[in-house]
């Protein structure tokens, strides 16, 4: 009997997620929920504020580095919970 490592299991689940089309559905769900919650507009305003507050110009990489922690931290808990529930259901159905 062979044992499957966590990395192998993740790889298998991700492949199944992509092949089933469920990944695209989850991405669309996330996009819609972030827009509906106002997160996207808030992040856009936050990003503009960060750019304007700097005296020198910022590269795209610098903007991403500056804004990413705030972006991740500001995702509403309700959105995170819904997405995690959907992912958990997929895993349960797959295993």
N, C-alpha and C. Protein backbone atom coordinates (compact mmCIF):
# COMPACT_ATOMS: atom_id res chain seq x y z
N UNK A 1 0.85 -1.18 0.00
CA UNK A 1 0.00 0.00 0.00
C UNK A 1 0.89 1.24 0.00
N UNK A 2 0.65 2.12 -0.94
CA UNK A 2 1.49 3.32 -1.01
C UNK A 2 0.83 4.46 -0.23
N UNK A 3 1.66 5.29 0.34
CA UNK A 3 1.13 6.43 1.07
C UNK A 3 1.30 7.68 0.20
N UNK A 4 0.35 8.54 0.30
CA UNK A 4 0.34 9.77 -0.47
C UNK A 4 0.77 10.91 0.45
N UNK A 5 1.74 11.70 0.01
CA UNK A 5 2.18 12.83 0.82
C UNK A 5 1.18 13.97 0.70
N UNK A 6 1.29 14.93 1.60
CA UNK A 6 0.43 16.10 1.55
C UNK A 6 0.58 16.86 0.23
N UNK A 7 1.81 16.97 -0.23
CA UNK A 7 2.05 17.68 -1.49
C UNK A 7 1.41 16.95 -2.67
N UNK A 8 1.49 15.63 -2.65
CA UNK A 8 0.88 14.86 -3.72
C UNK A 8 -0.65 14.99 -3.67
N UNK A 9 -1.20 14.95 -2.48
CA UNK A 9 -2.64 15.09 -2.32
C UNK A 9 -3.10 16.47 -2.80
N UNK A 10 -2.36 17.50 -2.42
CA UNK A 10 -2.69 18.86 -2.88
C UNK A 10 -2.67 18.93 -4.40
N UNK A 11 -1.65 18.33 -4.99
CA UNK A 11 -1.51 18.34 -6.44
C UNK A 11 -2.68 17.63 -7.12
N UNK A 12 -3.08 16.49 -6.58
CA UNK A 12 -4.20 15.73 -7.13
C UNK A 12 -5.49 16.52 -7.00
N UNK A 13 -5.72 17.09 -5.81
CA UNK A 13 -6.94 17.87 -5.60
C UNK A 13 -6.98 19.10 -6.50
N UNK A 14 -5.85 19.77 -6.66
CA UNK A 14 -5.81 20.95 -7.52
C UNK A 14 -6.10 20.55 -8.97
N UNK A 15 -5.49 19.46 -9.42
CA UNK A 15 -5.74 19.00 -10.79
C UNK A 15 -7.23 18.72 -10.99
N UNK A 16 -7.84 18.02 -10.03
CA UNK A 16 -9.27 17.72 -10.12
C UNK A 16 -10.11 18.99 -10.08
N UNK A 17 -9.69 19.94 -9.28
CA UNK A 17 -10.39 21.22 -9.18
C UNK A 17 -10.39 21.93 -10.53
N UNK A 18 -9.25 21.95 -11.18
CA UNK A 18 -9.12 22.61 -12.48
C UNK A 18 -9.88 21.84 -13.55
N UNK A 19 -9.66 20.53 -13.62
CA UNK A 19 -10.28 19.71 -14.66
C UNK A 19 -11.80 19.68 -14.58
N UNK A 20 -12.33 19.80 -13.39
CA UNK A 20 -13.78 19.77 -13.22
C UNK A 20 -14.43 21.11 -13.56
N UNK A 21 -13.61 22.16 -13.70
CA UNK A 21 -14.15 23.49 -13.95
C UNK A 21 -14.55 24.21 -12.67
N UNK A 22 -14.41 23.53 -11.55
CA UNK A 22 -14.81 24.12 -10.26
C UNK A 22 -13.91 25.28 -9.86
N UNK A 23 -12.64 25.23 -10.25
CA UNK A 23 -11.72 26.33 -9.91
C UNK A 23 -12.21 27.62 -10.53
N UNK A 24 -12.58 27.58 -11.81
CA UNK A 24 -13.09 28.78 -12.48
C UNK A 24 -14.36 29.29 -11.81
N UNK A 25 -15.22 28.37 -11.39
CA UNK A 25 -16.45 28.78 -10.69
C UNK A 25 -16.12 29.47 -9.37
N UNK A 26 -15.14 28.94 -8.65
CA UNK A 26 -14.75 29.54 -7.37
C UNK A 26 -14.11 30.91 -7.57
N UNK A 27 -13.32 31.04 -8.62
CA UNK A 27 -12.70 32.35 -8.91
C UNK A 27 -13.79 33.36 -9.23
N UNK A 28 -14.78 32.97 -10.01
CA UNK A 28 -15.89 33.88 -10.33
C UNK A 28 -16.70 34.24 -9.09
N UNK A 29 -16.94 33.24 -8.22
CA UNK A 29 -17.65 33.49 -6.97
C UNK A 29 -16.88 34.50 -6.13
N UNK A 30 -15.58 34.29 -6.00
CA UNK A 30 -14.75 35.21 -5.21
C UNK A 30 -14.80 36.61 -5.80
N UNK A 31 -14.63 36.72 -7.10
CA UNK A 31 -14.66 38.03 -7.77
C UNK A 31 -15.99 38.74 -7.50
N UNK A 32 -17.09 38.01 -7.66
CA UNK A 32 -18.41 38.61 -7.45
C UNK A 32 -18.61 39.07 -6.01
N UNK A 33 -18.20 38.23 -5.06
CA UNK A 33 -18.38 38.58 -3.64
C UNK A 33 -17.52 39.78 -3.24
N UNK A 34 -16.31 39.85 -3.78
CA UNK A 34 -15.43 40.98 -3.46
C UNK A 34 -16.00 42.28 -4.02
N UNK A 35 -16.56 42.21 -5.21
CA UNK A 35 -17.17 43.40 -5.80
C UNK A 35 -18.41 43.79 -4.99
N UNK A 36 -19.28 42.80 -4.70
CA UNK A 36 -20.51 43.07 -3.95
C UNK A 36 -20.24 43.66 -2.57
N UNK A 37 -19.15 43.23 -1.94
CA UNK A 37 -18.85 43.69 -0.59
C UNK A 37 -18.21 45.08 -0.56
N UNK A 38 -17.84 45.59 -1.74
CA UNK A 38 -17.18 46.90 -1.79
C UNK A 38 -15.67 46.82 -1.62
N UNK A 39 -15.16 45.60 -1.46
CA UNK A 39 -13.73 45.41 -1.26
C UNK A 39 -12.92 45.95 -2.42
N UNK A 40 -13.37 45.68 -3.61
CA UNK A 40 -12.62 46.12 -4.80
C UNK A 40 -12.52 47.66 -4.85
N UNK A 41 -13.62 48.34 -4.61
CA UNK A 41 -13.60 49.81 -4.62
C UNK A 41 -12.73 50.36 -3.50
N UNK A 42 -12.82 49.74 -2.32
CA UNK A 42 -11.99 50.17 -1.20
C UNK A 42 -10.50 49.99 -1.50
N UNK A 43 -10.17 48.85 -2.11
CA UNK A 43 -8.77 48.58 -2.44
C UNK A 43 -8.27 49.55 -3.51
N UNK A 44 -9.12 49.86 -4.44
CA UNK A 44 -8.75 50.82 -5.49
C UNK A 44 -8.45 52.19 -4.87
N UNK A 45 -9.30 52.64 -3.95
CA UNK A 45 -9.09 53.92 -3.28
C UNK A 45 -7.82 53.87 -2.42
N UNK A 46 -7.60 52.79 -1.72
CA UNK A 46 -6.41 52.61 -0.89
C UNK A 46 -5.15 52.69 -1.75
N UNK A 47 -5.18 52.01 -2.88
CA UNK A 47 -4.03 52.00 -3.79
C UNK A 47 -3.74 53.39 -4.33
N UNK A 48 -4.77 54.10 -4.75
CA UNK A 48 -4.59 55.47 -5.24
C UNK A 48 -3.97 56.36 -4.16
N UNK A 49 -4.47 56.20 -2.95
CA UNK A 49 -3.95 56.99 -1.82
C UNK A 49 -2.47 56.70 -1.58
N UNK A 50 -2.09 55.43 -1.63
CA UNK A 50 -0.69 55.04 -1.43
C UNK A 50 0.20 55.64 -2.52
N UNK A 51 -0.27 55.57 -3.74
CA UNK A 51 0.52 56.10 -4.87
C UNK A 51 0.67 57.61 -4.75
N UNK A 52 -0.40 58.29 -4.42
CA UNK A 52 -0.37 59.75 -4.33
C UNK A 52 0.43 60.25 -3.13
N UNK A 53 0.54 59.43 -2.10
CA UNK A 53 1.26 59.87 -0.90
C UNK A 53 2.78 59.76 -1.07
N UNK A 54 3.21 59.08 -2.09
CA UNK A 54 4.64 58.92 -2.34
C UNK A 54 5.14 60.09 -3.19
N UNK A 55 6.31 60.57 -2.87
CA UNK A 55 6.88 61.69 -3.63
C UNK A 55 7.48 61.21 -4.95
N UNK A 56 8.01 60.00 -4.96
CA UNK A 56 8.58 59.48 -6.19
C UNK A 56 7.62 58.47 -6.81
N UNK A 57 7.84 58.17 -8.07
CA UNK A 57 6.97 57.22 -8.75
C UNK A 57 7.26 55.81 -8.26
N UNK A 58 6.24 54.99 -8.33
CA UNK A 58 6.35 53.60 -7.88
C UNK A 58 6.23 52.67 -9.08
N UNK A 59 7.02 51.62 -9.06
CA UNK A 59 6.87 50.60 -10.10
C UNK A 59 5.65 49.74 -9.75
N UNK A 60 5.20 48.98 -10.71
CA UNK A 60 4.07 48.08 -10.46
C UNK A 60 4.43 47.09 -9.35
N UNK A 61 5.63 46.57 -9.38
CA UNK A 61 6.06 45.63 -8.34
C UNK A 61 6.03 46.27 -6.96
N UNK A 62 6.46 47.52 -6.87
CA UNK A 62 6.44 48.23 -5.58
C UNK A 62 5.01 48.45 -5.10
N UNK A 63 4.12 48.77 -6.03
CA UNK A 63 2.71 48.97 -5.67
C UNK A 63 2.12 47.67 -5.14
N UNK A 64 2.39 46.59 -5.84
CA UNK A 64 1.87 45.28 -5.41
C UNK A 64 2.42 44.92 -4.03
N UNK A 65 3.70 45.13 -3.82
CA UNK A 65 4.32 44.83 -2.52
C UNK A 65 3.71 45.67 -1.41
N UNK A 66 3.42 46.91 -1.71
CA UNK A 66 2.87 47.83 -0.72
C UNK A 66 1.40 47.52 -0.39
N UNK A 67 0.64 47.14 -1.39
CA UNK A 67 -0.81 47.00 -1.24
C UNK A 67 -1.25 45.58 -0.87
N UNK A 68 -0.49 44.58 -1.25
CA UNK A 68 -0.91 43.18 -1.04
C UNK A 68 -1.27 42.82 0.39
N UNK A 69 -0.45 43.19 1.39
CA UNK A 69 -0.84 42.83 2.76
C UNK A 69 -2.21 43.41 3.17
N UNK A 70 -2.43 44.65 2.79
CA UNK A 70 -3.72 45.28 3.10
C UNK A 70 -4.85 44.57 2.36
N UNK A 71 -4.60 44.23 1.11
CA UNK A 71 -5.62 43.56 0.29
C UNK A 71 -6.04 42.24 0.94
N UNK A 72 -5.07 41.44 1.33
CA UNK A 72 -5.37 40.15 1.96
C UNK A 72 -6.09 40.34 3.30
N UNK A 73 -5.61 41.27 4.10
CA UNK A 73 -6.19 41.48 5.43
C UNK A 73 -7.60 42.05 5.39
N UNK A 74 -7.95 42.73 4.32
CA UNK A 74 -9.24 43.41 4.27
C UNK A 74 -10.35 42.61 3.58
N UNK A 75 -10.05 41.39 3.15
CA UNK A 75 -11.10 40.54 2.58
C UNK A 75 -12.09 40.24 3.70
N UNK A 76 -13.38 40.51 3.48
CA UNK A 76 -14.37 40.28 4.53
C UNK A 76 -14.41 38.82 4.98
N UNK A 77 -14.56 38.61 6.27
CA UNK A 77 -14.61 37.26 6.84
C UNK A 77 -15.72 36.43 6.20
N UNK A 78 -16.83 37.07 5.90
CA UNK A 78 -17.97 36.37 5.29
C UNK A 78 -17.56 35.77 3.94
N UNK A 79 -16.78 36.51 3.17
CA UNK A 79 -16.32 36.04 1.86
C UNK A 79 -15.34 34.87 2.05
N UNK A 80 -14.41 35.02 2.99
CA UNK A 80 -13.46 33.94 3.26
C UNK A 80 -14.19 32.66 3.68
N UNK A 81 -15.15 32.80 4.57
CA UNK A 81 -15.90 31.65 5.07
C UNK A 81 -16.66 30.96 3.95
N UNK A 82 -17.31 31.74 3.11
CA UNK A 82 -18.07 31.16 2.00
C UNK A 82 -17.16 30.39 1.05
N UNK A 83 -16.03 30.98 0.72
CA UNK A 83 -15.09 30.32 -0.20
C UNK A 83 -14.52 29.05 0.43
N UNK A 84 -14.14 29.13 1.69
CA UNK A 84 -13.61 27.94 2.37
C UNK A 84 -14.65 26.82 2.46
N UNK A 85 -15.90 27.19 2.66
CA UNK A 85 -16.98 26.21 2.70
C UNK A 85 -17.11 25.51 1.35
N UNK A 86 -17.04 26.29 0.28
CA UNK A 86 -17.12 25.72 -1.07
C UNK A 86 -15.94 24.78 -1.36
N UNK A 87 -14.75 25.20 -0.96
CA UNK A 87 -13.55 24.37 -1.18
C UNK A 87 -13.63 23.09 -0.35
N UNK A 88 -14.06 23.22 0.88
CA UNK A 88 -14.21 22.04 1.76
C UNK A 88 -15.21 21.05 1.17
N UNK A 89 -16.31 21.56 0.63
CA UNK A 89 -17.32 20.69 0.02
C UNK A 89 -16.72 19.97 -1.18
N UNK A 90 -15.93 20.66 -1.98
CA UNK A 90 -15.29 20.03 -3.13
C UNK A 90 -14.36 18.90 -2.67
N UNK A 91 -13.58 19.17 -1.64
CA UNK A 91 -12.65 18.16 -1.12
C UNK A 91 -13.40 16.95 -0.60
N UNK A 92 -14.46 17.20 0.15
CA UNK A 92 -15.27 16.09 0.70
C UNK A 92 -15.84 15.25 -0.43
N UNK A 93 -16.35 15.90 -1.49
CA UNK A 93 -16.93 15.17 -2.62
C UNK A 93 -15.87 14.40 -3.40
N UNK A 94 -14.67 14.94 -3.46
CA UNK A 94 -13.59 14.33 -4.24
C UNK A 94 -12.97 13.14 -3.52
N UNK A 95 -12.81 13.28 -2.22
CA UNK A 95 -12.20 12.18 -1.46
C UNK A 95 -13.25 11.19 -1.12
